[in-house]
Amino acid sequence: MIRMYETIFIVQPELVDDELKGLTTKVQDVVATMKGDLRKLDDWGLRKLAYPIDKFNRGRYFYLRTDGDAAMIAELERRLRLDDKVIRYQTVKLEKETVAPAAAQPAAPEAAAAEEPAAAE
């Protein structure tokens, strides 16, 4: 039975672009091999973790939206669990289509500069 899933996985913050590309390619291969449908794969960037995980205070977040069956998710989670570069992951089943929150954008320098004089007063 085809269902909708969202997976968020966090990888080590110091990975270089080649390692990140290899990891995302591996995730895409798992979905394609298990006859799933990859709807979206977003890099949310480097963010501070709520608490340290394996001595990491920051992590690089990825958002994955797929359609597939439970076997695909089981294989995807197995691969994420075995990869040392992944420090956390979580998959949820969706009841209806949702809009993924956009990655946080860094504050514009003009906006930060405009706020500073007001804060100093």
PDB file of N, CA and C in Angstrom:
ATOM      1  N   MET A   1       0.843  -1.181   0.000  1.00  0.00           N
ATOM      2  CA  MET A   1       0.000   0.000   0.000  1.00  0.00           C
ATOM      3  C   MET A   1       0.892   1.249   0.000  1.00  0.00           C
ATOM      4  N   ILE A   2       0.616   2.144  -0.921  1.00  0.00           N
ATOM      5  CA  ILE A   2       1.404   3.370  -1.053  1.00  0.00           C
ATOM      6  C   ILE A   2       0.907   4.415  -0.047  1.00  0.00           C
ATOM      7  N   ARG A   3       1.831   4.938   0.719  1.00  0.00           N
ATOM      8  CA  ARG A   3       1.510   5.983   1.694  1.00  0.00           C
ATOM      9  C   ARG A   3       2.517   7.114   1.574  1.00  0.00           C
ATOM     10  N   MET A   4       2.174   8.228   2.214  1.00  0.00           N
ATOM     11  CA  MET A   4       3.044   9.400   2.188  1.00  0.00           C
ATOM     12  C   MET A   4       3.870   9.431   3.473  1.00  0.00           C
ATOM     13  N   TYR A   5       5.151   9.723   3.324  1.00  0.00           N
ATOM     14  CA  TYR A   5       6.036   9.774   4.482  1.00  0.00           C
ATOM     15  C   TYR A   5       6.911  11.016   4.413  1.00  0.00           C
ATOM     16  N   GLU A   6       7.279  11.491   5.603  1.00  0.00           N
ATOM     17  CA  GLU A   6       8.280  12.536   5.745  1.00  0.00           C
ATOM     18  C   GLU A   6       9.408  11.984   6.605  1.00  0.00           C
ATOM     19  N   THR A   7      10.610  12.216   6.189  1.00  0.00           N
ATOM     20  CA  THR A   7      11.776  11.807   6.972  1.00  0.00           C
ATOM     21  C   THR A   7      12.681  13.011   7.136  1.00  0.00           C
ATOM     22  N   ILE A   8      13.087  13.245   8.349  1.00  0.00           N
ATOM     23  CA  ILE A   8      14.092  14.273   8.617  1.00  0.00           C
ATOM     24  C   ILE A   8      15.302  13.558   9.178  1.00  0.00           C
ATOM     25  N   PHE A   9      16.444  13.780   8.563  1.00  0.00           N
ATOM     26  CA  PHE A   9      17.666  13.195   9.107  1.00  0.00           C
ATOM     27  C   PHE A   9      18.716  14.277   9.282  1.00  0.00           C
ATOM     28  N   ILE A  10      19.522  14.088  10.322  1.00  0.00           N
ATOM     29  CA  ILE A  10      20.558  15.054  10.692  1.00  0.00           C
ATOM     30  C   ILE A  10      21.903  14.367  10.514  1.00  0.00           C
ATOM     31  N   VAL A  11      22.796  15.048   9.813  1.00  0.00           N
ATOM     32  CA  VAL A  11      24.122  14.481   9.577  1.00  0.00           C
ATOM     33  C   VAL A  11      25.171  15.326  10.292  1.00  0.00           C
ATOM     34  N   GLN A  12      26.364  14.776  10.392  1.00  0.00           N
ATOM     35  CA  GLN A  12      27.463  15.458  11.063  1.00  0.00           C
ATOM     36  C   GLN A  12      27.726  16.801  10.375  1.00  0.00           C
ATOM     37  N   PRO A  13      28.027  17.834  11.164  1.00  0.00           N
ATOM     38  CA  PRO A  13      28.145  19.184  10.584  1.00  0.00           C
ATOM     39  C   PRO A  13      29.392  19.404   9.734  1.00  0.00           C
ATOM     40  N   GLU A  14      30.432  18.621   9.938  1.00  0.00           N
ATOM     41  CA  GLU A  14      31.684  18.901   9.222  1.00  0.00           C
ATOM     42  C   GLU A  14      31.816  18.161   7.892  1.00  0.00           C
ATOM     43  N   LEU A  15      30.760  17.539   7.397  1.00  0.00           N
ATOM     44  CA  LEU A  15      30.850  16.807   6.138  1.00  0.00           C
ATOM     45  C   LEU A  15      31.036  17.782   4.977  1.00  0.00           C
ATOM     46  N   VAL A  16      31.868  17.375   4.040  1.00  0.00           N
ATOM     47  CA  VAL A  16      32.113  18.213   2.857  1.00  0.00           C
ATOM     48  C   VAL A  16      31.054  17.912   1.802  1.00  0.00           C
ATOM     49  N   ASP A  17      31.034  18.729   0.758  1.00  0.00           N
ATOM     50  CA  ASP A  17      29.993  18.615  -0.269  1.00  0.00           C
ATOM     51  C   ASP A  17      29.950  17.239  -0.928  1.00  0.00           C
ATOM     52  N   ASP A  18      31.121  16.631  -1.175  1.00  0.00           N
ATOM     53  CA  ASP A  18      31.149  15.314  -1.811  1.00  0.00           C
ATOM     54  C   ASP A  18      30.497  14.251  -0.926  1.00  0.00           C
ATOM     55  N   GLU A  19      30.749  14.325   0.385  1.00  0.00           N
ATOM     56  CA  GLU A  19      30.152  13.359   1.303  1.00  0.00           C
ATOM     57  C   GLU A  19      28.643  13.564   1.399  1.00  0.00           C
ATOM     58  N   LEU A  20      28.206  14.833   1.396  1.00  0.00           N
ATOM     59  CA  LEU A  20      26.771  15.113   1.443  1.00  0.00           C
ATOM     60  C   LEU A  20      26.086  14.633   0.173  1.00  0.00           C
ATOM     61  N   LYS A  21      26.731  14.863  -0.961  1.00  0.00           N
ATOM     62  CA  LYS A  21      26.153  14.425  -2.235  1.00  0.00           C
ATOM     63  C   LYS A  21      26.068  12.897  -2.283  1.00  0.00           C
ATOM     64  N   GLY A  22      27.092  12.213  -1.780  1.00  0.00           N
ATOM     65  CA  GLY A  22      27.062  10.754  -1.742  1.00  0.00           C
ATOM     66  C   GLY A  22      25.949  10.230  -0.850  1.00  0.00           C
ATOM     67  N   LEU A  23      25.740  10.885   0.281  1.00  0.00           N
ATOM     68  CA  LEU A  23      24.686  10.464   1.201  1.00  0.00           C
ATOM     69  C   LEU A  23      23.306  10.678   0.593  1.00  0.00           C
ATOM     70  N   THR A  24      23.084  11.842  -0.013  1.00  0.00           N
ATOM     71  CA  THR A  24      21.771  12.102  -0.615  1.00  0.00           C
ATOM     72  C   THR A  24      21.537  11.187  -1.824  1.00  0.00           C
ATOM     73  N   THR A  25      22.589  10.871  -2.554  1.00  0.00           N
ATOM     74  CA  THR A  25      22.454   9.928  -3.668  1.00  0.00           C
ATOM     75  C   THR A  25      22.062   8.544  -3.155  1.00  0.00           C
ATOM     76  N   LYS A  26      22.661   8.148  -2.027  1.00  0.00           N
ATOM     77  CA  LYS A  26      22.331   6.848  -1.439  1.00  0.00           C
ATOM     78  C   LYS A  26      20.857   6.805  -1.025  1.00  0.00           C
ATOM     79  N   VAL A  27      20.366   7.888  -0.439  1.00  0.00           N
ATOM     80  CA  VAL A  27      18.958   7.955  -0.032  1.00  0.00           C
ATOM     81  C   VAL A  27      18.054   7.873  -1.259  1.00  0.00           C
ATOM     82  N   GLN A  28      18.399   8.609  -2.317  1.00  0.00           N
ATOM     83  CA  GLN A  28      17.594   8.577  -3.534  1.00  0.00           C
ATOM     84  C   GLN A  28      17.607   7.185  -4.159  1.00  0.00           C
ATOM     85  N   ASP A  29      18.751   6.491  -4.105  1.00  0.00           N
ATOM     86  CA  ASP A  29      18.845   5.135  -4.658  1.00  0.00           C
ATOM     87  C   ASP A  29      17.951   4.161  -3.899  1.00  0.00           C
ATOM     88  N   VAL A  30      17.902   4.290  -2.583  1.00  0.00           N
ATOM     89  CA  VAL A  30      17.041   3.405  -1.788  1.00  0.00           C
ATOM     90  C   VAL A  30      15.585   3.597  -2.192  1.00  0.00           C
ATOM     91  N   VAL A  31      15.163   4.844  -2.328  1.00  0.00           N
ATOM     92  CA  VAL A  31      13.773   5.119  -2.703  1.00  0.00           C
ATOM     93  C   VAL A  31      13.486   4.573  -4.101  1.00  0.00           C
ATOM     94  N   ALA A  32      14.406   4.779  -5.044  1.00  0.00           N
ATOM     95  CA  ALA A  32      14.195   4.297  -6.409  1.00  0.00           C
ATOM     96  C   ALA A  32      14.211   2.770  -6.475  1.00  0.00           C
ATOM     97  N   THR A  33      15.121   2.144  -5.740  1.00  0.00           N
ATOM     98  CA  THR A  33      15.223   0.682  -5.747  1.00  0.00           C
ATOM     99  C   THR A  33      13.977   0.020  -5.174  1.00  0.00           C
ATOM    100  N   MET A  34      13.407   0.651  -4.147  1.00  0.00           N
ATOM    101  CA  MET A  34      12.224   0.072  -3.502  1.00  0.00           C
ATOM    102  C   MET A  34      10.938   0.547  -4.166  1.00  0.00           C
ATOM    103  N   LYS A  35      11.040   1.111  -5.370  1.00  0.00           N
ATOM    104  CA  LYS A  35       9.888   1.560  -6.162  1.00  0.00           C
ATOM    105  C   LYS A  35       9.054   2.614  -5.449  1.00  0.00           C
ATOM    106  N   GLY A  36       9.754   3.488  -4.730  1.00  0.00           N
ATOM    107  CA  GLY A  36       9.092   4.613  -4.086  1.00  0.00           C
ATOM    108  C   GLY A  36       9.129   5.819  -4.994  1.00  0.00           C
ATOM    109  N   ASP A  37       8.453   6.856  -4.578  1.00  0.00           N
ATOM    110  CA  ASP A  37       8.407   8.094  -5.353  1.00  0.00           C
ATOM    111  C   ASP A  37       8.987   9.211  -4.494  1.00  0.00           C
ATOM    112  N   LEU A  38      10.109   9.751  -4.918  1.00  0.00           N
ATOM    113  CA  LEU A  38      10.750  10.847  -4.195  1.00  0.00           C
ATOM    114  C   LEU A  38      10.071  12.150  -4.592  1.00  0.00           C
ATOM    115  N   ARG A  39       9.409  12.779  -3.633  1.00  0.00           N
ATOM    116  CA  ARG A  39       8.684  14.021  -3.912  1.00  0.00           C
ATOM    117  C   ARG A  39       9.551  15.251  -3.669  1.00  0.00           C
ATOM    118  N   LYS A  40      10.380  15.176  -2.606  1.00  0.00           N
ATOM    119  CA  LYS A  40      11.164  16.356  -2.265  1.00  0.00           C
ATOM    120  C   LYS A  40      12.345  15.950  -1.397  1.00  0.00           C
ATOM    121  N   LEU A  41      13.486  16.549  -1.653  1.00  0.00           N
ATOM    122  CA  LEU A  41      14.666  16.366  -0.799  1.00  0.00           C
ATOM    123  C   LEU A  41      15.283  17.742  -0.632  1.00  0.00           C
ATOM    124  N   ASP A  42      15.197  18.280   0.567  1.00  0.00           N
ATOM    125  CA  ASP A  42      15.696  19.627   0.853  1.00  0.00           C
ATOM    126  C   ASP A  42      16.845  19.566   1.840  1.00  0.00           C
ATOM    127  N   ASP A  43      17.809  20.438   1.618  1.00  0.00           N
ATOM    128  CA  ASP A  43      18.888  20.641   2.576  1.00  0.00           C
ATOM    129  C   ASP A  43      18.511  21.862   3.395  1.00  0.00           C
ATOM    130  N   TRP A  44      18.197  21.653   4.672  1.00  0.00           N
ATOM    131  CA  TRP A  44      17.805  22.764   5.535  1.00  0.00           C
ATOM    132  C   TRP A  44      19.019  23.453   6.133  1.00  0.00           C
ATOM    133  N   GLY A  45      20.179  22.940   5.891  1.00  0.00           N
ATOM    134  CA  GLY A  45      21.395  23.604   6.338  1.00  0.00           C
ATOM    135  C   GLY A  45      21.811  23.253   7.747  1.00  0.00           C
ATOM    136  N   LEU A  46      22.805  23.974   8.197  1.00  0.00           N
ATOM    137  CA  LEU A  46      23.410  23.748   9.503  1.00  0.00           C
ATOM    138  C   LEU A  46      22.586  24.460  10.573  1.00  0.00           C
ATOM    139  N   ARG A  47      22.216  23.716  11.611  1.00  0.00           N
ATOM    140  CA  ARG A  47      21.408  24.269  12.696  1.00  0.00           C
ATOM    141  C   ARG A  47      21.936  23.775  14.034  1.00  0.00           C
ATOM    142  N   LYS A  48      21.618  24.548  15.054  1.00  0.00           N
ATOM    143  CA  LYS A  48      21.995  24.150  16.410  1.00  0.00           C
ATOM    144  C   LYS A  48      21.037  23.060  16.884  1.00  0.00           C
ATOM    145  N   LEU A  49      21.588  22.038  17.513  1.00  0.00           N
ATOM    146  CA  LEU A  49      20.769  20.961  18.044  1.00  0.00           C
ATOM    147  C   LEU A  49      20.185  21.376  19.394  1.00  0.00           C
ATOM    148  N   ALA A  50      19.049  20.824  19.761  1.00  0.00           N
ATOM    149  CA  ALA A  50      18.428  21.137  21.050  1.00  0.00           C
ATOM    150  C   ALA A  50      19.283  20.642  22.203  1.00  0.00           C
ATOM    151  N   TYR A  51      20.012  19.565  21.978  1.00  0.00           N
ATOM    152  CA  TYR A  51      20.914  19.009  22.985  1.00  0.00           C
ATOM    153  C   TYR A  51      22.043  18.299  22.243  1.00  0.00           C
ATOM    154  N   PRO A  52      23.208  18.176  22.872  1.00  0.00           N
ATOM    155  CA  PRO A  52      24.329  17.522  22.179  1.00  0.00           C
ATOM    156  C   PRO A  52      24.029  16.052  21.877  1.00  0.00           C
ATOM    157  N   ILE A  53      24.403  15.634  20.665  1.00  0.00           N
ATOM    158  CA  ILE A  53      24.255  14.244  20.249  1.00  0.00           C
ATOM    159  C   ILE A  53      25.621  13.773  19.793  1.00  0.00           C
ATOM    160  N   ASP A  54      26.148  12.760  20.442  1.00  0.00           N
ATOM    161  CA  ASP A  54      27.476  12.232  20.111  1.00  0.00           C
ATOM    162  C   ASP A  54      28.513  13.361  20.068  1.00  0.00           C
ATOM    163  N   LYS A  55      28.439  14.257  21.015  1.00  0.00           N
ATOM    164  CA  LYS A  55      29.356  15.389  21.157  1.00  0.00           C
ATOM    165  C   LYS A  55      29.232  16.416  20.032  1.00  0.00           C
ATOM    166  N   PHE A  56      28.152  16.383  19.281  1.00  0.00           N
ATOM    167  CA  PHE A  56      27.886  17.401  18.256  1.00  0.00           C
ATOM    168  C   PHE A  56      26.840  18.369  18.802  1.00  0.00           C
ATOM    169  N   ASN A  57      27.141  19.666  18.721  1.00  0.00           N
ATOM    170  CA  ASN A  57      26.177  20.687  19.129  1.00  0.00           C
ATOM    171  C   ASN A  57      25.404  21.238  17.933  1.00  0.00           C
ATOM    172  N   ARG A  58      25.889  20.987  16.744  1.00  0.00           N
ATOM    173  CA  ARG A  58      25.242  21.431  15.511  1.00  0.00           C
ATOM    174  C   ARG A  58      25.108  20.236  14.575  1.00  0.00           C
ATOM    175  N   GLY A  59      24.186  20.338  13.648  1.00  0.00           N
ATOM    176  CA  GLY A  59      23.996  19.281  12.667  1.00  0.00           C
ATOM    177  C   GLY A  59      23.403  19.844  11.393  1.00  0.00           C
ATOM    178  N   ARG A  60      23.580  19.127  10.305  1.00  0.00           N
ATOM    179  CA  ARG A  60      23.020  19.555   9.021  1.00  0.00           C
ATOM    180  C   ARG A  60      21.728  18.771   8.805  1.00  0.00           C
ATOM    181  N   TYR A  61      20.621  19.492   8.645  1.00  0.00           N
ATOM    182  CA  TYR A  61      19.300  18.889   8.547  1.00  0.00           C
ATOM    183  C   TYR A  61      18.922  18.667   7.080  1.00  0.00           C
ATOM    184  N   PHE A  62      18.291  17.514   6.833  1.00  0.00           N
ATOM    185  CA  PHE A  62      17.731  17.205   5.515  1.00  0.00           C
ATOM    186  C   PHE A  62      16.282  16.785   5.682  1.00  0.00           C
ATOM    187  N   TYR A  63      15.439  17.257   4.766  1.00  0.00           N
ATOM    188  CA  TYR A  63      14.024  16.920   4.744  1.00  0.00           C
ATOM    189  C   TYR A  63      13.749  16.065   3.514  1.00  0.00           C
ATOM    190  N   LEU A  64      13.087  14.933   3.711  1.00  0.00           N
ATOM    191  CA  LEU A  64      12.784  14.011   2.622  1.00  0.00           C
ATOM    192  C   LEU A  64      11.302  13.715   2.626  1.00  0.00           C
ATOM    193  N   ARG A  65      10.637  13.920   1.507  1.00  0.00           N
ATOM    194  CA  ARG A  65       9.201  13.616   1.367  1.00  0.00           C
ATOM    195  C   ARG A  65       9.068  12.553   0.292  1.00  0.00           C
ATOM    196  N   THR A  66       8.496  11.384   0.674  1.00  0.00           N
ATOM    197  CA  THR A  66       8.408  10.260  -0.253  1.00  0.00           C
ATOM    198  C   THR A  66       7.013   9.648  -0.226  1.00  0.00           C
ATOM    199  N   ASP A  67       6.694   8.938  -1.291  1.00  0.00           N
ATOM    200  CA  ASP A  67       5.523   8.068  -1.348  1.00  0.00           C
ATOM    201  C   ASP A  67       6.061   6.654  -1.532  1.00  0.00           C
ATOM    202  N   GLY A  68       5.516   5.715  -0.779  1.00  0.00           N
ATOM    203  CA  GLY A  68       5.987   4.340  -0.905  1.00  0.00           C
ATOM    204  C   GLY A  68       5.305   3.451   0.122  1.00  0.00           C
ATOM    205  N   ASP A  69       5.876   2.260   0.273  1.00  0.00           N
ATOM    206  CA  ASP A  69       5.297   1.318   1.222  1.00  0.00           C
ATOM    207  C   ASP A  69       6.178   1.205   2.465  1.00  0.00           C
ATOM    208  N   ALA A  70       5.729   0.427   3.416  1.00  0.00           N
ATOM    209  CA  ALA A  70       6.443   0.299   4.685  1.00  0.00           C
ATOM    210  C   ALA A  70       7.819  -0.353   4.501  1.00  0.00           C
ATOM    211  N   ALA A  71       7.946  -1.245   3.517  1.00  0.00           N
ATOM    212  CA  ALA A  71       9.235  -1.901   3.277  1.00  0.00           C
ATOM    213  C   ALA A  71      10.286  -0.879   2.838  1.00  0.00           C
ATOM    214  N   MET A  72       9.876   0.101   2.040  1.00  0.00           N
ATOM    215  CA  MET A  72      10.811   1.138   1.604  1.00  0.00           C
ATOM    216  C   MET A  72      11.305   1.947   2.805  1.00  0.00           C
ATOM    217  N   ILE A  73      10.390   2.305   3.698  1.00  0.00           N
ATOM    218  CA  ILE A  73      10.780   3.092   4.868  1.00  0.00           C
ATOM    219  C   ILE A  73      11.667   2.258   5.790  1.00  0.00           C
ATOM    220  N   ALA A  74      11.362   0.977   5.936  1.00  0.00           N
ATOM    221  CA  ALA A  74      12.197   0.115   6.777  1.00  0.00           C
ATOM    222  C   ALA A  74      13.616   0.034   6.225  1.00  0.00           C
ATOM    223  N   GLU A  75      13.747  -0.110   4.906  1.00  0.00           N
ATOM    224  CA  GLU A  75      15.076  -0.181   4.294  1.00  0.00           C
ATOM    225  C   GLU A  75      15.789   1.165   4.381  1.00  0.00           C
ATOM    226  N   LEU A  76      15.065   2.264   4.180  1.00  0.00           N
ATOM    227  CA  LEU A  76      15.665   3.599   4.284  1.00  0.00           C
ATOM    228  C   LEU A  76      16.180   3.836   5.706  1.00  0.00           C
ATOM    229  N   GLU A  77      15.385   3.515   6.701  1.00  0.00           N
ATOM    230  CA  GLU A  77      15.816   3.714   8.086  1.00  0.00           C
ATOM    231  C   GLU A  77      16.972   2.789   8.447  1.00  0.00           C
ATOM    232  N   ARG A  78      16.984   1.591   7.905  1.00  0.00           N
ATOM    233  CA  ARG A  78      18.099   0.673   8.161  1.00  0.00           C
ATOM    234  C   ARG A  78      19.399   1.257   7.617  1.00  0.00           C
ATOM    235  N   ARG A  79      19.339   1.807   6.411  1.00  0.00           N
ATOM    236  CA  ARG A  79      20.543   2.410   5.812  1.00  0.00           C
ATOM    237  C   ARG A  79      20.996   3.642   6.592  1.00  0.00           C
ATOM    238  N   LEU A  80      20.040   4.465   7.034  1.00  0.00           N
ATOM    239  CA  LEU A  80      20.399   5.653   7.810  1.00  0.00           C
ATOM    240  C   LEU A  80      21.009   5.254   9.153  1.00  0.00           C
ATOM    241  N   ARG A  81      20.479   4.201   9.761  1.00  0.00           N
ATOM    242  CA  ARG A  81      20.990   3.735  11.054  1.00  0.00           C
ATOM    243  C   ARG A  81      22.414   3.215  10.929  1.00  0.00           C
ATOM    244  N   LEU A  82      22.752   2.574   9.822  1.00  0.00           N
ATOM    245  CA  LEU A  82      24.073   1.977   9.628  1.00  0.00           C
ATOM    246  C   LEU A  82      25.130   3.001   9.215  1.00  0.00           C
ATOM    247  N   ASP A  83      24.708   4.158   8.731  1.00  0.00           N
ATOM    248  CA  ASP A  83      25.657   5.163   8.255  1.00  0.00           C
ATOM    249  C   ASP A  83      26.140   6.010   9.436  1.00  0.00           C
ATOM    250  N   ASP A  84      27.451   6.049   9.646  1.00  0.00           N
ATOM    251  CA  ASP A  84      28.021   6.805  10.762  1.00  0.00           C
ATOM    252  C   ASP A  84      27.874   8.311  10.600  1.00  0.00           C
ATOM    253  N   LYS A  85      27.645   8.770   9.375  1.00  0.00           N
ATOM    254  CA  LYS A  85      27.516  10.211   9.134  1.00  0.00           C
ATOM    255  C   LYS A  85      26.176  10.745   9.637  1.00  0.00           C
ATOM    256  N   VAL A  86      25.173   9.863   9.754  1.00  0.00           N
ATOM    257  CA  VAL A  86      23.836  10.265  10.200  1.00  0.00           C
ATOM    258  C   VAL A  86      23.792  10.155  11.719  1.00  0.00           C
ATOM    259  N   ILE A  87      23.452  11.271  12.385  1.00  0.00           N
ATOM    260  CA  ILE A  87      23.418  11.238  13.841  1.00  0.00           C
ATOM    261  C   ILE A  87      21.993  11.071  14.390  1.00  0.00           C
ATOM    262  N   ARG A  88      20.973  11.421  13.629  1.00  0.00           N
ATOM    263  CA  ARG A  88      19.578  11.192  14.020  1.00  0.00           C
ATOM    264  C   ARG A  88      18.700  11.170  12.779  1.00  0.00           C
ATOM    265  N   TYR A  89      17.571  10.453  12.872  1.00  0.00           N
ATOM    266  CA  TYR A  89      16.589  10.445  11.798  1.00  0.00           C
ATOM    267  C   TYR A  89      15.229  10.147  12.405  1.00  0.00           C
ATOM    268  N   GLN A  90      14.195  10.555  11.740  1.00  0.00           N
ATOM    269  CA  GLN A  90      12.838  10.226  12.167  1.00  0.00           C
ATOM    270  C   GLN A  90      11.924  10.277  10.953  1.00  0.00           C
ATOM    271  N   THR A  91      11.066   9.273  10.841  1.00  0.00           N
ATOM    272  CA  THR A  91      10.101   9.195   9.755  1.00  0.00           C
ATOM    273  C   THR A  91       8.698   9.212  10.342  1.00  0.00           C
ATOM    274  N   VAL A  92       7.823   9.966   9.719  1.00  0.00           N
ATOM    275  CA  VAL A  92       6.418   9.988  10.127  1.00  0.00           C
ATOM    276  C   VAL A  92       5.551   9.729   8.900  1.00  0.00           C
ATOM    277  N   LYS A  93       4.443   9.035   9.137  1.00  0.00           N
ATOM    278  CA  LYS A  93       3.462   8.781   8.075  1.00  0.00           C
ATOM    279  C   LYS A  93       2.500   9.952   8.038  1.00  0.00           C
ATOM    280  N   LEU A  94       2.198  10.451   6.844  1.00  0.00           N
ATOM    281  CA  LEU A  94       1.299  11.584   6.690  1.00  0.00           C
ATOM    282  C   LEU A  94      -0.097  11.094   6.356  1.00  0.00           C
ATOM    283  N   GLU A  95      -1.080  11.711   6.952  1.00  0.00           N
ATOM    284  CA  GLU A  95      -2.475  11.400   6.635  1.00  0.00           C
ATOM    285  C   GLU A  95      -2.934  12.190   5.413  1.00  0.00           C
ATOM    286  N   LYS A  96      -2.410  13.412   5.270  1.00  0.00           N
ATOM    287  CA  LYS A  96      -2.749  14.227   4.118  1.00  0.00           C
ATOM    288  C   LYS A  96      -1.515  15.045   3.749  1.00  0.00           C
ATOM    289  N   GLU A  97      -1.534  15.568   2.555  1.00  0.00           N
ATOM    290  CA  GLU A  97      -0.396  16.353   2.078  1.00  0.00           C
ATOM    291  C   GLU A  97      -0.219  17.601   2.941  1.00  0.00           C
ATOM    292  N   THR A  98       0.991  17.873   3.331  1.00  0.00           N
ATOM    293  CA  THR A  98       1.291  19.063   4.119  1.00  0.00           C
ATOM    294  C   THR A  98       2.327  19.897   3.390  1.00  0.00           C
ATOM    295  N   VAL A  99       2.429  21.117   3.802  1.00  0.00           N
ATOM    296  CA  VAL A  99       3.454  21.998   3.252  1.00  0.00           C
ATOM    297  C   VAL A  99       4.618  21.982   4.224  1.00  0.00           C
ATOM    298  N   ALA A 100       5.785  21.598   3.721  1.00  0.00           N
ATOM    299  CA  ALA A 100       6.963  21.541   4.578  1.00  0.00           C
ATOM    300  C   ALA A 100       7.408  22.943   4.934  1.00  0.00           C
ATOM    301  N   PRO A 101       7.796  23.131   6.174  1.00  0.00           N
ATOM    302  CA  PRO A 101       8.318  24.449   6.535  1.00  0.00           C
ATOM    303  C   PRO A 101       9.612  24.719   5.788  1.00  0.00           C
ATOM    304  N   ALA A 102       9.771  25.943   5.371  1.00  0.00           N
ATOM    305  CA  ALA A 102      10.985  26.306   4.647  1.00  0.00           C
ATOM    306  C   ALA A 102      12.148  26.404   5.615  1.00  0.00           C
ATOM    307  N   ALA A 103      13.324  26.216   5.066  1.00  0.00           N
ATOM    308  CA  ALA A 103      14.524  26.347   5.868  1.00  0.00           C
ATOM    309  C   ALA A 103      14.647  27.788   6.344  1.00  0.00           C
ATOM    310  N   ALA A 104      15.144  27.950   7.545  1.00  0.00           N
ATOM    311  CA  ALA A 104      15.310  29.291   8.097  1.00  0.00           C
ATOM    312  C   ALA A 104      16.335  30.063   7.281  1.00  0.00           C
ATOM    313  N   GLN A 105      15.968  31.262   6.929  1.00  0.00           N
ATOM    314  CA  GLN A 105      16.868  32.114   6.167  1.00  0.00           C
ATOM    315  C   GLN A 105      17.664  32.977   7.131  1.00  0.00           C
ATOM    316  N   PRO A 106      18.926  33.189   6.857  1.00  0.00           N
ATOM    317  CA  PRO A 106      19.692  34.083   7.728  1.00  0.00           C
ATOM    318  C   PRO A 106      19.146  35.498   7.620  1.00  0.00           C
ATOM    319  N   ALA A 107      19.214  36.220   8.721  1.00  0.00           N
ATOM    320  CA  ALA A 107      18.693  37.587   8.753  1.00  0.00           C
ATOM    321  C   ALA A 107      19.489  38.459   7.799  1.00  0.00           C
ATOM    322  N   ALA A 108      18.771  39.333   7.110  1.00  0.00           N
ATOM    323  CA  ALA A 108      19.427  40.242   6.185  1.00  0.00           C
ATOM    324  C   ALA A 108      20.271  41.231   6.975  1.00  0.00           C
ATOM    325  N   PRO A 109      21.445  41.605   6.471  1.00  0.00           N
ATOM    326  CA  PRO A 109      22.303  42.534   7.211  1.00  0.00           C
ATOM    327  C   PRO A 109      21.641  43.884   7.446  1.00  0.00           C
ATOM    328  N   GLU A 110      20.811  44.383   6.490  1.00  0.00           N
ATOM    329  CA  GLU A 110      20.152  45.668   6.673  1.00  0.00           C
ATOM    330  C   GLU A 110      19.147  45.600   7.816  1.00  0.00           C
ATOM    331  N   ALA A 111      18.408  44.496   7.903  1.00  0.00           N
ATOM    332  CA  ALA A 111      17.417  44.348   8.956  1.00  0.00           C
ATOM    333  C   ALA A 111      18.085  44.274  10.326  1.00  0.00           C
ATOM    334  N   ALA A 112      19.203  43.570  10.414  1.00  0.00           N
ATOM    335  CA  ALA A 112      19.920  43.471  11.683  1.00  0.00           C
ATOM    336  C   ALA A 112      20.499  44.820  12.081  1.00  0.00           C
ATOM    337  N   ALA A 113      21.008  45.574  11.093  1.00  0.00           N
ATOM    338  CA  ALA A 113      21.563  46.896  11.383  1.00  0.00           C
ATOM    339  C   ALA A 113      20.475  47.862  11.809  1.00  0.00           C
ATOM    340  N   ALA A 114      19.282  47.759  11.216  1.00  0.00           N
ATOM    341  CA  ALA A 114      18.178  48.643  11.568  1.00  0.00           C
ATOM    342  C   ALA A 114      17.680  48.370  12.975  1.00  0.00           C
ATOM    343  N   GLU A 115      17.777  47.146  13.434  1.00  0.00           N
ATOM    344  CA  GLU A 115      17.296  46.792  14.767  1.00  0.00           C
ATOM    345  C   GLU A 115      18.273  47.203  15.857  1.00  0.00           C
ATOM    346  N   GLU A 116      19.548  47.283  15.560  1.00  0.00           N
ATOM    347  CA  GLU A 116      20.557  47.590  16.569  1.00  0.00           C
ATOM    348  C   GLU A 116      20.352  48.951  17.222  1.00  0.00           C
ATOM    349  N   PRO A 117      20.107  50.053  16.472  1.00  0.00           N
ATOM    350  CA  PRO A 117      19.914  51.342  17.157  1.00  0.00           C
ATOM    351  C   PRO A 117      18.686  51.330  18.056  1.00  0.00           C
ATOM    352  N   ALA A 118      17.627  50.648  17.645  1.00  0.00           N
ATOM    353  CA  ALA A 118      16.425  50.595  18.465  1.00  0.00           C
ATOM    354  C   ALA A 118      16.693  49.844  19.758  1.00  0.00           C
ATOM    355  N   ALA A 119      17.523  48.792  19.696  1.00  0.00           N
ATOM    356  CA  ALA A 119      17.827  48.017  20.884  1.00  0.00           C
ATOM    357  C   ALA A 119      18.734  48.790  21.831  1.00  0.00           C
ATOM    358  N   ALA A 120      19.586  49.673  21.283  1.00  0.00           N
ATOM    359  CA  ALA A 120      20.516  50.434  22.117  1.00  0.00           C
ATOM    360  C   ALA A 120      19.809  51.525  22.903  1.00  0.00           C
ATOM    361  N   GLU A 121      18.648  51.984  22.403  1.00  0.00           N
ATOM    362  CA  GLU A 121      17.934  53.084  23.077  1.00  0.00           C
ATOM    363  C   GLU A 121      17.224  52.659  24.311  1.00  0.00           C
TER     364      GLU A 121
END
